[in-house]
Amino acid sequence: MNKFLNNTRSTENETPVSRKIRNTILILCLGIVLGTFSKFLDNTASNALPFIFEYLDVRNFLGRFAVWLLIALCIAIYSRSSLRASLNVFVFFVGMVSSYYIYSNYVAGFLPKSYAMIWVGFTAICCPYMVWCRAIFYK
């Protein structure tokens, strides 16, 4: 099994370390921006948003579980190796979940701890799953 998984991964030696670090930081920033934007949309009245957000129903779109899983899967697929996929997806969810609940606590004034624990658990579990998806579906 290990031989099969190693054949599906590309080697990472051709990518400089500075580029790996930059990509991971950019993915962290993407998670922070999307988490903050999602919570901002949750706390803003729909008639106060621009018409395009209301027309495209962006606040409900970002409130769905599947869109976050799709973004994580895209990050995992475009990572150069399974280890990088795991790290990048983990960093994305850490940024997204932390910014979402920091905004919720300090700006919105409430923190649903039980719901936050679900997302923290998902963040811890999603990394091995994304690596498995990348190893099986992307060669």
N, C-alpha and C. Protein backbone atom coordinates (compact mmCIF):
# COMPACT_ATOMS: atom_id res chain seq x y z
N MET A 1 0.82 -1.19 0.00
CA MET A 1 0.00 0.00 0.00
C MET A 1 0.87 1.26 0.00
N ASN A 2 1.93 1.24 0.78
CA ASN A 2 2.81 2.39 0.85
C ASN A 2 3.47 2.65 -0.51
N LYS A 3 3.84 1.59 -1.22
CA LYS A 3 4.44 1.74 -2.55
C LYS A 3 3.44 2.37 -3.52
N PHE A 4 2.18 1.95 -3.44
CA PHE A 4 1.14 2.52 -4.30
C PHE A 4 0.96 4.01 -4.02
N LEU A 5 0.91 4.38 -2.76
CA LEU A 5 0.73 5.79 -2.41
C LEU A 5 1.94 6.63 -2.81
N ASN A 6 3.15 6.07 -2.69
CA ASN A 6 4.33 6.82 -3.08
C ASN A 6 4.38 7.06 -4.58
N ASN A 7 3.80 6.14 -5.37
CA ASN A 7 3.78 6.33 -6.82
C ASN A 7 2.80 7.42 -7.23
N THR A 8 1.82 7.72 -6.42
CA THR A 8 0.85 8.76 -6.79
C THR A 8 1.33 10.15 -6.43
N ARG A 9 2.36 10.26 -5.64
CA ARG A 9 2.86 11.56 -5.21
C ARG A 9 4.02 12.01 -6.08
N SER A 10 4.07 13.28 -6.35
CA SER A 10 5.23 13.82 -7.05
C SER A 10 6.27 14.22 -6.01
N THR A 11 7.51 14.28 -6.44
CA THR A 11 8.55 14.69 -5.51
C THR A 11 8.49 16.20 -5.34
N GLU A 12 8.90 16.63 -4.19
CA GLU A 12 8.79 18.04 -3.84
C GLU A 12 10.14 18.75 -3.94
N ASN A 13 11.16 18.05 -4.37
CA ASN A 13 12.50 18.62 -4.33
C ASN A 13 12.67 19.80 -5.28
N GLU A 14 11.89 19.88 -6.36
CA GLU A 14 12.09 20.95 -7.32
C GLU A 14 11.50 22.28 -6.86
N THR A 15 10.72 22.30 -5.80
CA THR A 15 10.12 23.53 -5.31
C THR A 15 10.98 24.12 -4.20
N PRO A 16 11.40 25.40 -4.33
CA PRO A 16 12.21 26.02 -3.28
C PRO A 16 11.42 26.17 -1.97
N VAL A 17 12.14 26.15 -0.88
CA VAL A 17 11.51 26.24 0.43
C VAL A 17 10.79 27.58 0.61
N SER A 18 11.36 28.64 0.08
CA SER A 18 10.73 29.95 0.23
C SER A 18 9.37 29.98 -0.48
N ARG A 19 9.25 29.30 -1.60
CA ARG A 19 7.96 29.24 -2.30
C ARG A 19 6.95 28.41 -1.53
N LYS A 20 7.40 27.32 -0.90
CA LYS A 20 6.50 26.50 -0.08
C LYS A 20 5.95 27.31 1.09
N ILE A 21 6.83 28.05 1.74
CA ILE A 21 6.41 28.87 2.88
C ILE A 21 5.45 29.96 2.42
N ARG A 22 5.77 30.62 1.31
CA ARG A 22 4.90 31.67 0.78
C ARG A 22 3.51 31.13 0.45
N ASN A 23 3.46 29.97 -0.21
CA ASN A 23 2.16 29.38 -0.55
C ASN A 23 1.35 29.03 0.69
N THR A 24 2.00 28.50 1.70
CA THR A 24 1.30 28.16 2.94
C THR A 24 0.78 29.42 3.64
N ILE A 25 1.58 30.48 3.64
CA ILE A 25 1.13 31.74 4.25
C ILE A 25 -0.05 32.32 3.46
N LEU A 26 -0.01 32.24 2.14
CA LEU A 26 -1.12 32.73 1.32
C LEU A 26 -2.39 31.92 1.57
N ILE A 27 -2.26 30.62 1.77
CA ILE A 27 -3.42 29.79 2.07
C ILE A 27 -3.97 30.13 3.45
N LEU A 28 -3.10 30.40 4.41
CA LEU A 28 -3.54 30.85 5.73
C LEU A 28 -4.31 32.17 5.61
N CYS A 29 -3.78 33.10 4.82
CA CYS A 29 -4.47 34.39 4.62
C CYS A 29 -5.81 34.19 3.93
N LEU A 30 -5.89 33.27 2.98
CA LEU A 30 -7.16 32.97 2.32
C LEU A 30 -8.18 32.46 3.34
N GLY A 31 -7.75 31.56 4.23
CA GLY A 31 -8.64 31.06 5.27
C GLY A 31 -9.10 32.16 6.21
N ILE A 32 -8.20 33.05 6.60
CA ILE A 32 -8.56 34.15 7.49
C ILE A 32 -9.56 35.08 6.81
N VAL A 33 -9.31 35.43 5.56
CA VAL A 33 -10.20 36.34 4.83
C VAL A 33 -11.58 35.70 4.63
N LEU A 34 -11.62 34.45 4.21
CA LEU A 34 -12.91 33.81 3.98
C LEU A 34 -13.69 33.58 5.28
N GLY A 35 -13.00 33.24 6.36
CA GLY A 35 -13.67 33.07 7.65
C GLY A 35 -14.24 34.38 8.17
N THR A 36 -13.47 35.45 8.06
CA THR A 36 -13.95 36.76 8.49
C THR A 36 -15.11 37.25 7.61
N PHE A 37 -14.98 37.06 6.30
CA PHE A 37 -16.03 37.47 5.37
C PHE A 37 -17.32 36.70 5.61
N SER A 38 -17.19 35.40 5.88
CA SER A 38 -18.37 34.58 6.15
C SER A 38 -19.10 35.05 7.41
N LYS A 39 -18.35 35.34 8.47
CA LYS A 39 -18.98 35.81 9.70
C LYS A 39 -19.54 37.21 9.55
N PHE A 40 -18.86 38.06 8.76
CA PHE A 40 -19.39 39.38 8.48
C PHE A 40 -20.75 39.28 7.78
N LEU A 41 -20.86 38.37 6.82
CA LEU A 41 -22.13 38.19 6.12
C LEU A 41 -23.21 37.65 7.06
N ASP A 42 -22.81 36.79 8.00
CA ASP A 42 -23.77 36.26 8.96
C ASP A 42 -24.35 37.34 9.86
N ASN A 43 -23.55 38.34 10.20
CA ASN A 43 -23.97 39.37 11.15
C ASN A 43 -24.56 40.61 10.50
N THR A 44 -24.57 40.65 9.19
CA THR A 44 -25.09 41.82 8.48
C THR A 44 -26.48 41.51 7.95
N ALA A 45 -27.39 42.45 8.10
CA ALA A 45 -28.74 42.26 7.57
C ALA A 45 -28.67 42.16 6.05
N SER A 46 -29.51 41.31 5.49
CA SER A 46 -29.43 41.06 4.05
C SER A 46 -29.76 42.29 3.22
N ASN A 47 -30.60 43.17 3.72
CA ASN A 47 -30.91 44.38 2.95
C ASN A 47 -29.81 45.43 3.06
N ALA A 48 -28.84 45.23 3.95
CA ALA A 48 -27.72 46.16 4.07
C ALA A 48 -26.55 45.76 3.17
N LEU A 49 -26.62 44.57 2.61
CA LEU A 49 -25.55 44.09 1.73
C LEU A 49 -25.76 44.63 0.31
N PRO A 50 -24.69 44.70 -0.48
CA PRO A 50 -24.86 45.08 -1.88
C PRO A 50 -25.80 44.10 -2.61
N PHE A 51 -26.45 44.60 -3.64
CA PHE A 51 -27.45 43.81 -4.34
C PHE A 51 -26.87 42.52 -4.91
N ILE A 52 -25.64 42.54 -5.38
CA ILE A 52 -25.04 41.35 -5.98
C ILE A 52 -24.90 40.23 -4.96
N PHE A 53 -24.57 40.56 -3.70
CA PHE A 53 -24.48 39.54 -2.66
C PHE A 53 -25.84 38.93 -2.37
N GLU A 54 -26.84 39.79 -2.35
CA GLU A 54 -28.20 39.31 -2.10
C GLU A 54 -28.70 38.47 -3.28
N TYR A 55 -28.42 38.91 -4.48
CA TYR A 55 -28.88 38.20 -5.68
C TYR A 55 -28.21 36.83 -5.81
N LEU A 56 -26.91 36.77 -5.55
CA LEU A 56 -26.18 35.50 -5.64
C LEU A 56 -26.32 34.64 -4.38
N ASP A 57 -26.93 35.19 -3.34
CA ASP A 57 -27.15 34.48 -2.08
C ASP A 57 -25.83 33.99 -1.47
N VAL A 58 -24.86 34.89 -1.44
CA VAL A 58 -23.52 34.55 -0.97
C VAL A 58 -23.52 34.15 0.49
N ARG A 59 -24.35 34.78 1.31
CA ARG A 59 -24.33 34.47 2.74
C ARG A 59 -24.79 33.04 2.99
N ASN A 60 -25.75 32.53 2.27
CA ASN A 60 -26.16 31.13 2.43
C ASN A 60 -25.17 30.18 1.78
N PHE A 61 -24.55 30.61 0.70
CA PHE A 61 -23.56 29.78 0.02
C PHE A 61 -22.38 29.51 0.94
N LEU A 62 -21.87 30.54 1.60
CA LEU A 62 -20.74 30.36 2.51
C LEU A 62 -21.16 29.74 3.84
N GLY A 63 -22.44 29.64 4.10
CA GLY A 63 -22.93 29.01 5.32
C GLY A 63 -23.07 27.50 5.18
N ARG A 64 -22.81 26.97 4.02
CA ARG A 64 -22.93 25.53 3.78
C ARG A 64 -21.61 24.83 4.04
N PHE A 65 -21.71 23.60 4.49
CA PHE A 65 -20.53 22.80 4.79
C PHE A 65 -19.79 22.39 3.51
N ALA A 66 -20.54 22.13 2.45
CA ALA A 66 -19.95 21.59 1.23
C ALA A 66 -18.99 22.57 0.56
N VAL A 67 -19.24 23.86 0.63
CA VAL A 67 -18.35 24.81 -0.02
C VAL A 67 -16.98 24.82 0.65
N TRP A 68 -16.94 24.68 1.95
CA TRP A 68 -15.66 24.65 2.66
C TRP A 68 -14.90 23.36 2.33
N LEU A 69 -15.62 22.28 2.21
CA LEU A 69 -14.99 21.02 1.82
C LEU A 69 -14.47 21.09 0.39
N LEU A 70 -15.21 21.74 -0.49
CA LEU A 70 -14.77 21.90 -1.87
C LEU A 70 -13.50 22.75 -1.95
N ILE A 71 -13.44 23.83 -1.21
CA ILE A 71 -12.24 24.67 -1.19
C ILE A 71 -11.04 23.87 -0.66
N ALA A 72 -11.27 23.11 0.40
CA ALA A 72 -10.18 22.29 0.96
C ALA A 72 -9.73 21.22 -0.03
N LEU A 73 -10.66 20.63 -0.74
CA LEU A 73 -10.30 19.61 -1.73
C LEU A 73 -9.50 20.23 -2.86
N CYS A 74 -9.86 21.42 -3.30
CA CYS A 74 -9.09 22.11 -4.34
C CYS A 74 -7.68 22.43 -3.86
N ILE A 75 -7.56 22.85 -2.62
CA ILE A 75 -6.23 23.11 -2.06
C ILE A 75 -5.41 21.83 -2.03
N ALA A 76 -6.02 20.73 -1.64
CA ALA A 76 -5.30 19.45 -1.57
C ALA A 76 -4.90 18.96 -2.96
N ILE A 77 -5.77 19.12 -3.93
CA ILE A 77 -5.46 18.65 -5.28
C ILE A 77 -4.30 19.42 -5.88
N TYR A 78 -4.26 20.73 -5.67
CA TYR A 78 -3.22 21.55 -6.27
C TYR A 78 -1.94 21.62 -5.44
N SER A 79 -1.87 20.88 -4.35
CA SER A 79 -0.63 20.80 -3.59
C SER A 79 0.29 19.79 -4.28
N ARG A 80 1.59 19.99 -4.13
CA ARG A 80 2.56 19.15 -4.84
C ARG A 80 2.72 17.75 -4.24
N SER A 81 2.45 17.60 -2.98
CA SER A 81 2.58 16.28 -2.36
C SER A 81 1.48 16.11 -1.32
N SER A 82 1.34 14.90 -0.85
CA SER A 82 0.32 14.65 0.17
C SER A 82 0.64 15.34 1.48
N LEU A 83 1.91 15.41 1.81
CA LEU A 83 2.30 16.11 3.03
C LEU A 83 1.98 17.60 2.93
N ARG A 84 2.27 18.21 1.78
CA ARG A 84 1.94 19.62 1.58
C ARG A 84 0.43 19.81 1.56
N ALA A 85 -0.29 18.86 0.98
CA ALA A 85 -1.76 18.95 0.96
C ALA A 85 -2.30 18.95 2.38
N SER A 86 -1.78 18.06 3.20
CA SER A 86 -2.23 17.98 4.58
C SER A 86 -1.94 19.27 5.32
N LEU A 87 -0.74 19.78 5.18
CA LEU A 87 -0.36 21.02 5.86
C LEU A 87 -1.18 22.20 5.36
N ASN A 88 -1.35 22.31 4.05
CA ASN A 88 -2.08 23.45 3.49
C ASN A 88 -3.55 23.44 3.89
N VAL A 89 -4.18 22.28 3.86
CA VAL A 89 -5.59 22.19 4.26
C VAL A 89 -5.74 22.49 5.74
N PHE A 90 -4.83 21.97 6.54
CA PHE A 90 -4.87 22.24 7.98
C PHE A 90 -4.72 23.73 8.25
N VAL A 91 -3.77 24.37 7.59
CA VAL A 91 -3.54 25.80 7.78
C VAL A 91 -4.75 26.61 7.31
N PHE A 92 -5.37 26.20 6.20
CA PHE A 92 -6.56 26.89 5.71
C PHE A 92 -7.68 26.83 6.75
N PHE A 93 -7.94 25.64 7.28
CA PHE A 93 -9.03 25.51 8.26
C PHE A 93 -8.69 26.18 9.58
N VAL A 94 -7.44 26.17 9.99
CA VAL A 94 -7.06 26.89 11.21
C VAL A 94 -7.32 28.38 11.03
N GLY A 95 -6.94 28.94 9.89
CA GLY A 95 -7.19 30.35 9.63
C GLY A 95 -8.67 30.67 9.55
N MET A 96 -9.42 29.82 8.86
CA MET A 96 -10.85 30.06 8.68
C MET A 96 -11.60 29.95 10.00
N VAL A 97 -11.38 28.88 10.72
CA VAL A 97 -12.10 28.66 11.98
C VAL A 97 -11.71 29.69 13.03
N SER A 98 -10.43 29.97 13.15
CA SER A 98 -10.01 30.94 14.18
C SER A 98 -10.53 32.34 13.87
N SER A 99 -10.44 32.78 12.62
CA SER A 99 -10.93 34.13 12.32
C SER A 99 -12.45 34.20 12.45
N TYR A 100 -13.15 33.15 12.09
CA TYR A 100 -14.61 33.12 12.22
C TYR A 100 -15.03 33.28 13.67
N TYR A 101 -14.41 32.52 14.57
CA TYR A 101 -14.83 32.57 15.96
C TYR A 101 -14.22 33.73 16.73
N ILE A 102 -13.08 34.25 16.30
CA ILE A 102 -12.57 35.48 16.91
C ILE A 102 -13.50 36.65 16.56
N TYR A 103 -13.92 36.71 15.30
CA TYR A 103 -14.88 37.74 14.88
C TYR A 103 -16.18 37.56 15.65
N SER A 104 -16.62 36.32 15.79
CA SER A 104 -17.87 36.04 16.50
C SER A 104 -17.79 36.49 17.95
N ASN A 105 -16.66 36.26 18.59
CA ASN A 105 -16.52 36.58 20.00
C ASN A 105 -16.35 38.09 20.22
N TYR A 106 -15.46 38.71 19.47
CA TYR A 106 -15.11 40.10 19.76
C TYR A 106 -15.97 41.13 19.03
N VAL A 107 -16.48 40.81 17.86
CA VAL A 107 -17.29 41.78 17.12
C VAL A 107 -18.78 41.51 17.33
N ALA A 108 -19.19 40.25 17.17
CA ALA A 108 -20.60 39.92 17.31
C ALA A 108 -21.02 39.78 18.77
N GLY A 109 -20.09 39.49 19.66
CA GLY A 109 -20.39 39.45 21.08
C GLY A 109 -20.89 38.13 21.62
N PHE A 110 -20.74 37.04 20.88
CA PHE A 110 -21.13 35.73 21.40
C PHE A 110 -20.18 34.68 20.86
N LEU A 111 -20.06 33.58 21.57
CA LEU A 111 -19.20 32.48 21.15
C LEU A 111 -19.91 31.16 21.44
N PRO A 112 -20.47 30.52 20.42
CA PRO A 112 -21.12 29.22 20.62
C PRO A 112 -20.06 28.11 20.73
N LYS A 113 -19.68 27.77 21.96
CA LYS A 113 -18.57 26.85 22.19
C LYS A 113 -18.82 25.45 21.64
N SER A 114 -20.05 24.95 21.77
CA SER A 114 -20.31 23.59 21.27
C SER A 114 -20.20 23.54 19.75
N TYR A 115 -20.68 24.56 19.08
CA TYR A 115 -20.58 24.61 17.62
C TYR A 115 -19.13 24.82 17.19
N ALA A 116 -18.40 25.61 17.95
CA ALA A 116 -16.99 25.83 17.64
C ALA A 116 -16.19 24.54 17.79
N MET A 117 -16.52 23.73 18.77
CA MET A 117 -15.81 22.47 18.97
C MET A 117 -16.04 21.50 17.80
N ILE A 118 -17.20 21.57 17.18
CA ILE A 118 -17.46 20.74 15.99
C ILE A 118 -16.47 21.12 14.88
N TRP A 119 -16.29 22.42 14.65
CA TRP A 119 -15.37 22.86 13.60
C TRP A 119 -13.91 22.60 13.97
N VAL A 120 -13.57 22.70 15.24
CA VAL A 120 -12.21 22.39 15.65
C VAL A 120 -11.94 20.89 15.43
N GLY A 121 -12.90 20.05 15.76
CA GLY A 121 -12.76 18.62 15.49
C GLY A 121 -12.66 18.32 14.01
N PHE A 122 -13.46 19.00 13.22
CA PHE A 122 -13.39 18.82 11.78
C PHE A 122 -12.04 19.22 11.24
N THR A 123 -11.48 20.29 11.76
CA THR A 123 -10.15 20.74 11.33
C THR A 123 -9.11 19.67 11.63
N ALA A 124 -9.20 19.04 12.77
CA ALA A 124 -8.24 18.00 13.13
C ALA A 124 -8.41 16.73 12.30
N ILE A 125 -9.64 16.45 11.87
CA ILE A 125 -9.91 15.22 11.13
C ILE A 125 -9.72 15.39 9.63
N CYS A 126 -9.91 16.59 9.12
CA CYS A 126 -9.93 16.79 7.67
C CYS A 126 -8.58 16.58 7.02
N CYS A 127 -7.49 16.80 7.70
CA CYS A 127 -6.18 16.67 7.06
C CYS A 127 -5.90 15.27 6.55
N PRO A 128 -6.08 14.22 7.35
CA PRO A 128 -5.86 12.88 6.80
C PRO A 128 -6.82 12.54 5.66
N TYR A 129 -8.05 13.03 5.75
CA TYR A 129 -9.02 12.75 4.70
C TYR A 129 -8.63 13.42 3.38
N MET A 130 -8.17 14.66 3.44
CA MET A 130 -7.77 15.36 2.22
C MET A 130 -6.55 14.69 1.60
N VAL A 131 -5.64 14.21 2.42
CA VAL A 131 -4.47 13.50 1.89
C VAL A 131 -4.91 12.21 1.20
N TRP A 132 -5.85 11.51 1.80
CA TRP A 132 -6.36 10.29 1.19
C TRP A 132 -7.03 10.59 -0.14
N CYS A 133 -7.85 11.65 -0.18
CA CYS A 133 -8.52 12.03 -1.44
C CYS A 133 -7.50 12.36 -2.51
N ARG A 134 -6.46 13.08 -2.14
CA ARG A 134 -5.45 13.45 -3.13
C ARG A 134 -4.72 12.21 -3.62
N ALA A 135 -4.38 11.31 -2.72
CA ALA A 135 -3.62 10.12 -3.11
C ALA A 135 -4.45 9.21 -4.01
N ILE A 136 -5.74 9.11 -3.78
CA ILE A 136 -6.58 8.21 -4.56
C ILE A 136 -7.01 8.84 -5.89
N PHE A 137 -7.46 10.09 -5.88
CA PHE A 137 -8.11 10.66 -7.05
C PHE A 137 -7.19 11.48 -7.95
N TYR A 138 -6.05 11.90 -7.46
CA TYR A 138 -5.21 12.78 -8.25
C TYR A 138 -3.85 12.14 -8.44
N LYS A 139 -3.47 11.92 -9.66
CA LYS A 139 -2.16 11.31 -9.93
C LYS A 139 -1.31 12.24 -10.75
